[in-house]
Amino acid sequence: MKKRVLSAIIMILIFVPLLFMGGILFDIFMSLLALGAMHELIKIREKKKEFPIIVKIVSYLLIVFSSILIYNQNIYNYTMSFQLIAFIILMFLLPILLKNMKEDYNINDALYLVGSLLFINIAFNLIVVVRNYSLNYLIYLLLITVITDTFALITGIYIGKNKLAPTISPNKTIEGFMGGTLMGTFVATTFYYTAIDSSISIAILLLTTLFLSVVGQLGDLVFSSIKRTYNVKDFSNLIPGHGGILDRLDSLIFVALAFILVMGLI
């Protein structure tokens, strides 16, 4: 527990100043996290079969390259060019034709890397472009994630009895899910109404925040399912007591993705 608390304090001391500063330093930090997340997805897949080193290098270079392309973009002008998407697909599919890679690299490997790279790029870039647009918008998304996760844990510990998804995440309960959703929705809605826009319809804001809170928890379950598939407890041991980057940012990633779908409502 001490290790977990100490790691949490260190993460806060690093992340919060960068969050408030924004700009190039925040972009670089998120790019490093994206690199780490991609590395975790590669390593977890390599529990079954190792990728050729050249393919891994290409993956990391593409993460960096795509991060550079979104500098100064925000949620109202964020685009991922078709040229970049086509380049990513070609870079991972064409190597399956190489004779010296046939045993080590196949279509399943290529599609896994294409999907992982597009997923990581879009998810982490969205967090950056939300911050570029408004600090308060990103704080809103962080409040949904942190408050929901915190109170889901507390509610689950004290009154949780009915398992939510026992085959995926045995410790999660329906009571925890509901407690986290209610508190996450209440706190984040209050922040949005007081700090961002007090003229918005409360009903629409509540429903939108509720939706994001639920999606965040479902995202947590998605990543838990991935870990169960590869029979690992955490994506990595980068953060003592917490696991890896994807273990900590799983809910935020899905909240950011869902936010782009509903941002026109608020």
C-alpha atoms as a PDB file:
ATOM      1  CA  MET A   1       0.000   0.000   0.000  1.00  0.00           C
ATOM      2  CA  LYS A   2       2.850   2.413   0.855  1.00  0.00           C
ATOM      3  CA  LYS A   3       4.402   1.757  -2.553  1.00  0.00           C
ATOM      4  CA  ARG A   4       1.071   2.433  -4.261  1.00  0.00           C
ATOM      5  CA  VAL A   5       0.514   5.709  -2.390  1.00  0.00           C
ATOM      6  CA  LEU A   6       4.072   6.908  -3.042  1.00  0.00           C
ATOM      7  CA  SER A   7       3.730   6.146  -6.754  1.00  0.00           C
ATOM      8  CA  ALA A   8       0.426   8.034  -6.848  1.00  0.00           C
ATOM      9  CA  ILE A   9       2.011  11.101  -5.224  1.00  0.00           C
ATOM     10  CA  ILE A  10       4.897  11.060  -7.708  1.00  0.00           C
ATOM     11  CA  MET A  11       2.493  10.744 -10.647  1.00  0.00           C
ATOM     12  CA  ILE A  12       0.456  13.697  -9.386  1.00  0.00           C
ATOM     13  CA  LEU A  13       3.567  15.823  -8.885  1.00  0.00           C
ATOM     14  CA  ILE A  14       4.640  15.127 -12.472  1.00  0.00           C
ATOM     15  CA  PHE A  15       1.291  15.245 -14.243  1.00  0.00           C
ATOM     16  CA  VAL A  16      -0.489  18.194 -12.600  1.00  0.00           C
ATOM     17  CA  PRO A  17       2.144  20.878 -13.407  1.00  0.00           C
ATOM     18  CA  LEU A  18       2.369  19.642 -17.007  1.00  0.00           C
ATOM     19  CA  LEU A  19      -1.417  19.606 -17.249  1.00  0.00           C
ATOM     20  CA  PHE A  20      -1.675  23.248 -16.206  1.00  0.00           C
ATOM     21  CA  MET A  21       1.268  24.375 -18.344  1.00  0.00           C
ATOM     22  CA  GLY A  22      -0.018  22.658 -21.464  1.00  0.00           C
ATOM     23  CA  GLY A  23       1.789  23.411 -24.710  1.00  0.00           C
ATOM     24  CA  ILE A  24       4.816  21.551 -26.001  1.00  0.00           C
ATOM     25  CA  LEU A  25       5.792  20.055 -22.632  1.00  0.00           C
ATOM     26  CA  PHE A  26       2.376  18.435 -22.191  1.00  0.00           C
ATOM     27  CA  ASP A  27       2.481  17.202 -25.803  1.00  0.00           C
ATOM     28  CA  ILE A  28       5.901  15.618 -25.265  1.00  0.00           C
ATOM     29  CA  PHE A  29       4.759  14.002 -22.025  1.00  0.00           C
ATOM     30  CA  MET A  30       1.681  12.497 -23.686  1.00  0.00           C
ATOM     31  CA  SER A  31       3.838  11.301 -26.594  1.00  0.00           C
ATOM     32  CA  LEU A  32       6.064   9.474 -24.124  1.00  0.00           C
ATOM     33  CA  LEU A  33       3.002   7.907 -22.520  1.00  0.00           C
ATOM     34  CA  ALA A  34       1.749   6.867 -25.956  1.00  0.00           C
ATOM     35  CA  LEU A  35       5.113   5.256 -26.674  1.00  0.00           C
ATOM     36  CA  GLY A  36       4.933   3.418 -23.381  1.00  0.00           C
ATOM     37  CA  ALA A  37       1.370   2.290 -24.042  1.00  0.00           C
ATOM     38  CA  MET A  38       2.314   0.979 -27.487  1.00  0.00           C
ATOM     39  CA  HIS A  39       5.260  -0.843 -25.947  1.00  0.00           C
ATOM     40  CA  GLU A  40       2.914  -2.472 -23.432  1.00  0.00           C
ATOM     41  CA  LEU A  41       0.581  -3.698 -26.168  1.00  0.00           C
ATOM     42  CA  ILE A  42       3.551  -5.103 -28.082  1.00  0.00           C
ATOM     43  CA  LYS A  43       5.023  -6.833 -25.025  1.00  0.00           C
ATOM     44  CA  ILE A  44       1.734  -8.390 -23.989  1.00  0.00           C
ATOM     45  CA  ARG A  45       1.308  -9.815 -27.488  1.00  0.00           C
ATOM     46  CA  GLU A  46       4.859 -11.124 -27.338  1.00  0.00           C
ATOM     47  CA  LYS A  47       3.776 -13.420 -24.528  1.00  0.00           C
ATOM     48  CA  LYS A  48       2.768 -15.646 -27.445  1.00  0.00           C
ATOM     49  CA  LYS A  49       5.260 -14.709 -30.161  1.00  0.00           C
ATOM     50  CA  GLU A  50       7.947 -12.071 -30.502  1.00  0.00           C
ATOM     51  CA  PHE A  51       7.746  -9.445 -33.226  1.00  0.00           C
ATOM     52  CA  PRO A  52      10.698  -8.736 -35.555  1.00  0.00           C
ATOM     53  CA  ILE A  53      12.756  -5.870 -34.162  1.00  0.00           C
ATOM     54  CA  ILE A  54      12.334  -3.738 -37.304  1.00  0.00           C
ATOM     55  CA  VAL A  55       8.553  -3.872 -36.976  1.00  0.00           C
ATOM     56  CA  LYS A  56       8.736  -2.710 -33.365  1.00  0.00           C
ATOM     57  CA  ILE A  57      11.025   0.178 -34.289  1.00  0.00           C
ATOM     58  CA  VAL A  58       8.605   1.239 -37.027  1.00  0.00           C
ATOM     59  CA  SER A  59       5.755   1.166 -34.488  1.00  0.00           C
ATOM     60  CA  TYR A  60       7.542   3.522 -32.120  1.00  0.00           C
ATOM     61  CA  LEU A  61       8.604   5.885 -34.911  1.00  0.00           C
ATOM     62  CA  LEU A  62       5.038   6.114 -36.181  1.00  0.00           C
ATOM     63  CA  ILE A  63       3.796   6.990 -32.688  1.00  0.00           C
ATOM     64  CA  VAL A  64       6.266   9.875 -32.514  1.00  0.00           C
ATOM     65  CA  PHE A  65       5.519  11.022 -36.057  1.00  0.00           C
ATOM     66  CA  SER A  66       1.755  11.114 -35.521  1.00  0.00           C
ATOM     67  CA  SER A  67       2.226  13.018 -32.259  1.00  0.00           C
ATOM     68  CA  ILE A  68       4.125  15.727 -34.119  1.00  0.00           C
ATOM     69  CA  LEU A  69       1.318  16.067 -36.663  1.00  0.00           C
ATOM     70  CA  ILE A  70      -1.316  17.000 -34.082  1.00  0.00           C
ATOM     71  CA  TYR A  71       0.644  19.830 -32.470  1.00  0.00           C
ATOM     72  CA  ASN A  72      -1.651  22.860 -31.981  1.00  0.00           C
ATOM     73  CA  GLN A  73      -4.745  20.951 -33.116  1.00  0.00           C
ATOM     74  CA  ASN A  74      -7.804  20.992 -30.864  1.00  0.00           C
ATOM     75  CA  ILE A  75     -11.070  19.081 -30.612  1.00  0.00           C
ATOM     76  CA  TYR A  76     -12.769  21.195 -33.265  1.00  0.00           C
ATOM     77  CA  ASN A  77     -10.104  20.747 -35.937  1.00  0.00           C
ATOM     78  CA  TYR A  78      -8.494  17.417 -34.991  1.00  0.00           C
ATOM     79  CA  THR A  79      -7.851  15.277 -38.051  1.00  0.00           C
ATOM     80  CA  MET A  80      -5.899  12.127 -38.717  1.00  0.00           C
ATOM     81  CA  SER A  81      -4.878  12.228 -42.361  1.00  0.00           C
ATOM     82  CA  PHE A  82      -5.763   9.421 -44.721  1.00  0.00           C
ATOM     83  CA  GLN A  83      -2.140   9.572 -45.901  1.00  0.00           C
ATOM     84  CA  LEU A  84      -0.931   8.676 -42.408  1.00  0.00           C
ATOM     85  CA  ILE A  85      -3.491   5.881 -42.046  1.00  0.00           C
ATOM     86  CA  ALA A  86      -2.556   4.449 -45.451  1.00  0.00           C
ATOM     87  CA  PHE A  87       1.139   4.686 -44.566  1.00  0.00           C
ATOM     88  CA  ILE A  88       0.577   2.832 -41.291  1.00  0.00           C
ATOM     89  CA  ILE A  89      -1.344   0.041 -43.027  1.00  0.00           C
ATOM     90  CA  LEU A  90       1.277  -0.360 -45.749  1.00  0.00           C
ATOM     91  CA  MET A  91       4.182  -0.306 -43.312  1.00  0.00           C
ATOM     92  CA  PHE A  92       2.734  -3.229 -41.372  1.00  0.00           C
ATOM     93  CA  LEU A  93       1.128  -5.289 -44.130  1.00  0.00           C
ATOM     94  CA  LEU A  94       3.870  -5.299 -46.759  1.00  0.00           C
ATOM     95  CA  PRO A  95       6.514  -6.966 -44.540  1.00  0.00           C
ATOM     96  CA  ILE A  96       4.451 -10.184 -44.423  1.00  0.00           C
ATOM     97  CA  LEU A  97       5.595 -10.760 -48.012  1.00  0.00           C
ATOM     98  CA  LEU A  98       9.277 -10.802 -47.065  1.00  0.00           C
ATOM     99  CA  LYS A  99      10.726 -14.289 -47.150  1.00  0.00           C
ATOM    100  CA  ASN A 100      12.836 -13.894 -44.027  1.00  0.00           C
ATOM    101  CA  MET A 101       9.798 -12.777 -41.990  1.00  0.00           C
ATOM    102  CA  LYS A 102       7.276 -15.455 -42.935  1.00  0.00           C
ATOM    103  CA  GLU A 103       7.773 -17.528 -39.793  1.00  0.00           C
ATOM    104  CA  ASP A 104       8.053 -14.588 -37.413  1.00  0.00           C
ATOM    105  CA  TYR A 105       5.456 -12.227 -38.848  1.00  0.00           C
ATOM    106  CA  ASN A 106       2.049 -12.935 -40.399  1.00  0.00           C
ATOM    107  CA  ILE A 107      -1.245 -11.229 -41.199  1.00  0.00           C
ATOM    108  CA  ASN A 108      -2.535 -11.619 -37.620  1.00  0.00           C
ATOM    109  CA  ASP A 109       0.554  -9.873 -36.286  1.00  0.00           C
ATOM    110  CA  ALA A 110       0.226  -7.101 -38.870  1.00  0.00           C
ATOM    111  CA  LEU A 111      -3.434  -6.443 -38.126  1.00  0.00           C
ATOM    112  CA  TYR A 112      -2.748  -6.454 -34.390  1.00  0.00           C
ATOM    113  CA  LEU A 113      -0.100  -3.769 -34.836  1.00  0.00           C
ATOM    114  CA  VAL A 114      -2.243  -1.690 -37.216  1.00  0.00           C
ATOM    115  CA  GLY A 115      -5.147  -1.768 -34.773  1.00  0.00           C
ATOM    116  CA  SER A 116      -2.963  -1.084 -31.747  1.00  0.00           C
ATOM    117  CA  LEU A 117      -1.178   1.819 -33.385  1.00  0.00           C
ATOM    118  CA  LEU A 118      -4.347   3.501 -34.630  1.00  0.00           C
ATOM    119  CA  PHE A 119      -6.004   2.988 -31.248  1.00  0.00           C
ATOM    120  CA  ILE A 120      -3.095   4.416 -29.247  1.00  0.00           C
ATOM    121  CA  ASN A 121      -2.587   7.305 -31.671  1.00  0.00           C
ATOM    122  CA  ILE A 122      -6.214   8.375 -31.668  1.00  0.00           C
ATOM    123  CA  ALA A 123      -6.723   7.928 -27.920  1.00  0.00           C
ATOM    124  CA  PHE A 124      -3.628   9.786 -26.720  1.00  0.00           C
ATOM    125  CA  ASN A 125      -3.867  12.443 -29.412  1.00  0.00           C
ATOM    126  CA  LEU A 126      -7.445  13.154 -28.369  1.00  0.00           C
ATOM    127  CA  ILE A 127      -6.295  13.859 -24.823  1.00  0.00           C
ATOM    128  CA  VAL A 128      -3.764  16.340 -26.207  1.00  0.00           C
ATOM    129  CA  VAL A 129      -6.231  18.115 -28.495  1.00  0.00           C
ATOM    130  CA  VAL A 130      -8.788  18.411 -25.684  1.00  0.00           C
ATOM    131  CA  ARG A 131      -6.094  20.075 -23.548  1.00  0.00           C
ATOM    132  CA  ASN A 132      -5.144  22.338 -26.466  1.00  0.00           C
ATOM    133  CA  TYR A 133      -8.748  23.488 -26.682  1.00  0.00           C
ATOM    134  CA  SER A 134      -9.438  23.987 -22.978  1.00  0.00           C
ATOM    135  CA  LEU A 135      -7.815  23.038 -19.688  1.00  0.00           C
ATOM    136  CA  ASN A 136     -11.241  22.917 -18.047  1.00  0.00           C
ATOM    137  CA  TYR A 137     -12.538  20.424 -20.603  1.00  0.00           C
ATOM    138  CA  LEU A 138      -9.710  18.029 -19.800  1.00  0.00           C
ATOM    139  CA  ILE A 139     -10.192  18.540 -16.053  1.00  0.00           C
ATOM    140  CA  TYR A 140     -13.848  17.640 -16.617  1.00  0.00           C
ATOM    141  CA  LEU A 141     -12.852  14.367 -18.286  1.00  0.00           C
ATOM    142  CA  LEU A 142     -10.270  13.651 -15.576  1.00  0.00           C
ATOM    143  CA  LEU A 143     -12.863  14.248 -12.849  1.00  0.00           C
ATOM    144  CA  ILE A 144     -15.233  11.796 -14.486  1.00  0.00           C
ATOM    145  CA  THR A 145     -12.475   9.188 -14.601  1.00  0.00           C
ATOM    146  CA  VAL A 146     -10.872   9.709 -11.182  1.00  0.00           C
ATOM    147  CA  ILE A 147     -14.052  10.211  -9.150  1.00  0.00           C
ATOM    148  CA  THR A 148     -15.820   7.325 -10.850  1.00  0.00           C
ATOM    149  CA  ASP A 149     -12.892   4.943 -10.298  1.00  0.00           C
ATOM    150  CA  THR A 150     -12.348   6.083  -6.707  1.00  0.00           C
ATOM    151  CA  PHE A 151     -15.945   5.726  -5.589  1.00  0.00           C
ATOM    152  CA  ALA A 152     -16.442   2.509  -7.526  1.00  0.00           C
ATOM    153  CA  LEU A 153     -13.589   1.098  -5.442  1.00  0.00           C
ATOM    154  CA  ILE A 154     -14.872   2.519  -2.137  1.00  0.00           C
ATOM    155  CA  THR A 155     -18.481   1.485  -2.739  1.00  0.00           C
ATOM    156  CA  GLY A 156     -17.390  -1.950  -3.897  1.00  0.00           C
ATOM    157  CA  ILE A 157     -15.276  -2.507  -0.785  1.00  0.00           C
ATOM    158  CA  TYR A 158     -17.932  -1.475   1.733  1.00  0.00           C
ATOM    159  CA  ILE A 159     -21.250  -2.569   0.221  1.00  0.00           C
ATOM    160  CA  GLY A 160     -20.347  -4.538  -2.905  1.00  0.00           C
ATOM    161  CA  LYS A 161     -21.945  -7.996  -3.010  1.00  0.00           C
ATOM    162  CA  ASN A 162     -22.994  -8.724  -6.584  1.00  0.00           C
ATOM    163  CA  LYS A 163     -20.224  -9.340  -9.103  1.00  0.00           C
ATOM    164  CA  LEU A 164     -20.309  -7.163 -12.217  1.00  0.00           C
ATOM    165  CA  ALA A 165     -18.174  -9.259 -14.574  1.00  0.00           C
ATOM    166  CA  PRO A 166     -16.611 -12.106 -12.564  1.00  0.00           C
ATOM    167  CA  THR A 167     -14.871 -13.787 -15.487  1.00  0.00           C
ATOM    168  CA  ILE A 168     -13.202 -10.523 -16.560  1.00  0.00           C
ATOM    169  CA  SER A 169     -12.611  -8.601 -13.325  1.00  0.00           C
ATOM    170  CA  PRO A 170     -13.598 -10.617 -10.222  1.00  0.00           C
ATOM    171  CA  ASN A 171     -13.296  -7.704  -7.783  1.00  0.00           C
ATOM    172  CA  LYS A 172     -15.701  -5.349  -9.550  1.00  0.00           C
ATOM    173  CA  THR A 173     -19.270  -5.246  -8.271  1.00  0.00           C
ATOM    174  CA  ILE A 174     -22.578  -3.876  -9.496  1.00  0.00           C
ATOM    175  CA  GLU A 175     -22.810  -1.740  -6.373  1.00  0.00           C
ATOM    176  CA  GLY A 176     -19.354  -0.320  -7.055  1.00  0.00           C
ATOM    177  CA  PHE A 177     -20.313   0.385 -10.662  1.00  0.00           C
ATOM    178  CA  MET A 178     -23.419   2.286  -9.563  1.00  0.00           C
ATOM    179  CA  GLY A 179     -21.660   4.171  -6.756  1.00  0.00           C
ATOM    180  CA  GLY A 180     -18.837   5.237  -9.038  1.00  0.00           C
ATOM    181  CA  THR A 181     -21.247   6.317 -11.759  1.00  0.00           C
ATOM    182  CA  LEU A 182     -23.383   8.407  -9.425  1.00  0.00           C
ATOM    183  CA  MET A 183     -20.479  10.218  -7.744  1.00  0.00           C
ATOM    184  CA  GLY A 184     -18.504  10.654 -10.961  1.00  0.00           C
ATOM    185  CA  THR A 185     -21.553  12.120 -12.648  1.00  0.00           C
ATOM    186  CA  PHE A 186     -22.377  14.434  -9.735  1.00  0.00           C
ATOM    187  CA  VAL A 187     -18.872  15.848  -9.204  1.00  0.00           C
ATOM    188  CA  ALA A 188     -17.997  16.269 -12.893  1.00  0.00           C
ATOM    189  CA  THR A 189     -21.394  17.784 -13.708  1.00  0.00           C
ATOM    190  CA  THR A 190     -20.997  20.285 -10.864  1.00  0.00           C
ATOM    191  CA  PHE A 191     -17.548  21.254 -12.142  1.00  0.00           C
ATOM    192  CA  TYR A 192     -18.726  21.670 -15.742  1.00  0.00           C
ATOM    193  CA  TYR A 193     -21.718  23.790 -14.730  1.00  0.00           C
ATOM    194  CA  THR A 194     -19.704  26.096 -12.451  1.00  0.00           C
ATOM    195  CA  ALA A 195     -16.400  26.325 -14.348  1.00  0.00           C
ATOM    196  CA  ILE A 196     -17.290  25.892 -18.019  1.00  0.00           C
ATOM    197  CA  ASP A 197     -20.892  26.732 -18.933  1.00  0.00           C
ATOM    198  CA  SER A 198     -23.737  27.568 -16.547  1.00  0.00           C
ATOM    199  CA  SER A 199     -26.201  28.133 -19.390  1.00  0.00           C
ATOM    200  CA  ILE A 200     -26.271  24.501 -20.463  1.00  0.00           C
ATOM    201  CA  SER A 201     -29.316  22.304 -19.904  1.00  0.00           C
ATOM    202  CA  ILE A 202     -28.728  20.403 -16.666  1.00  0.00           C
ATOM    203  CA  ALA A 203     -30.590  17.383 -18.026  1.00  0.00           C
ATOM    204  CA  ILE A 204     -28.348  17.148 -21.109  1.00  0.00           C
ATOM    205  CA  LEU A 205     -25.209  17.688 -19.025  1.00  0.00           C
ATOM    206  CA  LEU A 206     -26.218  15.004 -16.524  1.00  0.00           C
ATOM    207  CA  LEU A 207     -27.024  12.467 -19.232  1.00  0.00           C
ATOM    208  CA  THR A 208     -23.792  13.217 -21.113  1.00  0.00           C
ATOM    209  CA  THR A 209     -21.646  12.924 -17.990  1.00  0.00           C
ATOM    210  CA  LEU A 210     -23.465   9.757 -16.938  1.00  0.00           C
ATOM    211  CA  PHE A 211     -22.769   8.254 -20.358  1.00  0.00           C
ATOM    212  CA  LEU A 212     -19.070   9.133 -20.147  1.00  0.00           C
ATOM    213  CA  SER A 213     -18.789   7.682 -16.645  1.00  0.00           C
ATOM    214  CA  VAL A 214     -20.342   4.398 -17.770  1.00  0.00           C
ATOM    215  CA  VAL A 215     -18.137   4.194 -20.873  1.00  0.00           C
ATOM    216  CA  GLY A 216     -15.052   4.806 -18.748  1.00  0.00           C
ATOM    217  CA  GLN A 217     -15.891   1.838 -16.544  1.00  0.00           C
ATOM    218  CA  LEU A 218     -16.625  -0.331 -19.556  1.00  0.00           C
ATOM    219  CA  GLY A 219     -13.230   0.694 -20.944  1.00  0.00           C
ATOM    220  CA  ASP A 220     -11.637  -0.553 -17.741  1.00  0.00           C
ATOM    221  CA  LEU A 221     -13.337  -3.908 -18.333  1.00  0.00           C
ATOM    222  CA  VAL A 222     -12.137  -3.995 -21.949  1.00  0.00           C
ATOM    223  CA  PHE A 223      -8.523  -3.669 -20.830  1.00  0.00           C
ATOM    224  CA  SER A 224      -9.102  -6.229 -18.078  1.00  0.00           C
ATOM    225  CA  SER A 225     -10.384  -8.601 -20.747  1.00  0.00           C
ATOM    226  CA  ILE A 226      -7.205  -8.069 -22.784  1.00  0.00           C
ATOM    227  CA  LYS A 227      -5.101  -8.936 -19.738  1.00  0.00           C
ATOM    228  CA  ARG A 228      -7.150 -12.067 -19.107  1.00  0.00           C
ATOM    229  CA  THR A 229      -6.646 -13.105 -22.728  1.00  0.00           C
ATOM    230  CA  TYR A 230      -2.879 -13.012 -22.256  1.00  0.00           C
ATOM    231  CA  ASN A 231      -3.031 -14.234 -18.648  1.00  0.00           C
ATOM    232  CA  VAL A 232      -1.258 -11.253 -17.063  1.00  0.00           C
ATOM    233  CA  LYS A 233      -2.173  -9.186 -14.002  1.00  0.00           C
ATOM    234  CA  ASP A 234      -0.858  -5.853 -15.317  1.00  0.00           C
ATOM    235  CA  PHE A 235       0.279  -4.487 -18.674  1.00  0.00           C
ATOM    236  CA  SER A 236       3.686  -3.772 -17.132  1.00  0.00           C
ATOM    237  CA  ASN A 237       5.347  -2.973 -13.807  1.00  0.00           C
ATOM    238  CA  LEU A 238       6.400   0.536 -14.822  1.00  0.00           C
ATOM    239  CA  ILE A 239       4.484   2.183 -11.959  1.00  0.00           C
ATOM    240  CA  PRO A 240       5.094   0.365  -8.648  1.00  0.00           C
ATOM    241  CA  GLY A 241       1.807  -0.674  -7.078  1.00  0.00           C
ATOM    242  CA  HIS A 242      -0.229   0.444 -10.082  1.00  0.00           C
ATOM    243  CA  GLY A 243       0.979  -1.594 -13.053  1.00  0.00           C
ATOM    244  CA  GLY A 244       1.551   0.010 -16.410  1.00  0.00           C
ATOM    245  CA  ILE A 245       0.429   3.057 -18.345  1.00  0.00           C
ATOM    246  CA  LEU A 246      -2.616   1.304 -19.745  1.00  0.00           C
ATOM    247  CA  ASP A 247      -3.561   0.061 -16.277  1.00  0.00           C
ATOM    248  CA  ARG A 248      -3.756   3.680 -15.088  1.00  0.00           C
ATOM    249  CA  LEU A 249      -5.207   5.362 -18.157  1.00  0.00           C
ATOM    250  CA  ASP A 250      -7.665   2.714 -19.350  1.00  0.00           C
ATOM    251  CA  SER A 251     -10.788   4.584 -18.238  1.00  0.00           C
ATOM    252  CA  LEU A 252      -9.530   8.000 -19.393  1.00  0.00           C
ATOM    253  CA  ILE A 253      -8.771   6.623 -22.847  1.00  0.00           C
ATOM    254  CA  PHE A 254     -12.363   5.457 -23.311  1.00  0.00           C
ATOM    255  CA  VAL A 255     -13.817   8.612 -21.765  1.00  0.00           C
ATOM    256  CA  ALA A 256     -11.820  10.692 -24.269  1.00  0.00           C
ATOM    257  CA  LEU A 257     -13.004   8.538 -27.169  1.00  0.00           C
ATOM    258  CA  ALA A 258     -16.634   8.776 -26.042  1.00  0.00           C
ATOM    259  CA  PHE A 259     -16.348  12.523 -25.429  1.00  0.00           C
ATOM    260  CA  ILE A 260     -15.664  13.140 -29.115  1.00  0.00           C
ATOM    261  CA  LEU A 261     -18.963  11.408 -29.908  1.00  0.00           C
ATOM    262  CA  VAL A 262     -21.052  13.598 -27.590  1.00  0.00           C
ATOM    263  CA  MET A 263     -19.130  16.874 -27.396  1.00  0.00           C
ATOM    264  CA  GLY A 264     -21.632  18.560 -29.705  1.00  0.00           C
ATOM    265  CA  LEU A 265     -24.282  18.156 -27.002  1.00  0.00           C
ATOM    266  CA  ILE A 266     -22.487  20.211 -24.352  1.00  0.00           C
END
